[in-house]
Amino acid sequence: MKTFYRDALEGLMLMAGIVGFISGEFIVSSIVFASATILNNTWFNRHALHTV
């Protein structure tokens, strides 16, 4: 169930970034896209370290 909440949060962040980009809020959308990317990369790195 933890992955569902994580995926939902990441999806909401991406949708907020897309809406912000379309509406012209480029700085806000850049911050939202960057935070979604960092969130995703940290999860993959933690998961990769625990499976080795």
Protein backbone atom coordinates (compact mmCIF):
# COMPACT_ATOMS: atom_id res chain seq x y z
CA MET A 1 0.00 0.00 0.00
CA LYS A 2 2.98 2.31 0.51
CA THR A 3 3.80 2.24 -3.18
CA PHE A 4 0.25 3.25 -4.07
CA TYR A 5 0.50 6.42 -1.97
CA ARG A 6 3.95 7.13 -3.37
CA ASP A 7 2.75 6.66 -6.94
CA ALA A 8 -0.32 8.79 -6.29
CA LEU A 9 1.83 11.59 -4.84
CA GLU A 10 4.24 11.45 -7.76
CA GLY A 11 1.37 11.46 -10.25
CA LEU A 12 -0.22 14.47 -8.57
CA MET A 13 3.11 16.30 -8.63
CA LEU A 14 3.54 15.59 -12.33
CA MET A 15 -0.01 16.71 -13.13
CA ALA A 16 0.52 19.91 -11.13
CA GLY A 17 3.73 20.53 -13.06
CA ILE A 18 1.99 20.03 -16.40
CA VAL A 19 -0.89 22.33 -15.44
CA GLY A 20 1.58 24.93 -14.19
CA PHE A 21 3.57 24.71 -17.40
CA ILE A 22 0.48 25.11 -19.58
CA SER A 23 -0.77 28.08 -17.57
CA GLY A 24 2.58 29.87 -17.88
CA GLU A 25 3.94 29.37 -14.37
CA PHE A 26 7.31 28.13 -15.56
CA ILE A 27 9.20 28.58 -12.29
CA VAL A 28 6.59 26.72 -10.25
CA SER A 29 6.29 23.93 -12.80
CA SER A 30 10.09 23.55 -12.90
CA ILE A 31 10.21 23.19 -9.11
CA VAL A 32 7.38 20.63 -9.13
CA PHE A 33 8.99 18.58 -11.93
CA ALA A 34 12.35 18.66 -10.14
CA SER A 35 10.85 17.51 -6.84
CA ALA A 36 8.99 14.68 -8.58
CA THR A 37 12.21 13.58 -10.26
CA ILE A 38 14.20 13.70 -7.03
CA LEU A 39 11.47 11.76 -5.20
CA ASN A 40 11.47 9.08 -7.89
CA ASN A 41 15.27 8.79 -8.08
CA THR A 42 15.74 8.52 -4.32
CA TRP A 43 13.19 5.72 -4.16
CA PHE A 44 14.90 3.79 -6.98
CA ASN A 45 18.33 4.23 -5.38
CA ARG A 46 17.10 3.00 -1.98
CA HIS A 47 15.34 0.05 -3.56
CA ALA A 48 18.43 -0.88 -5.60
CA LEU A 49 20.68 -0.77 -2.52
CA HIS A 50 18.41 -3.04 -0.48
CA THR A 51 18.11 -5.71 -3.18
CA VAL A 52 21.88 -6.19 -3.55
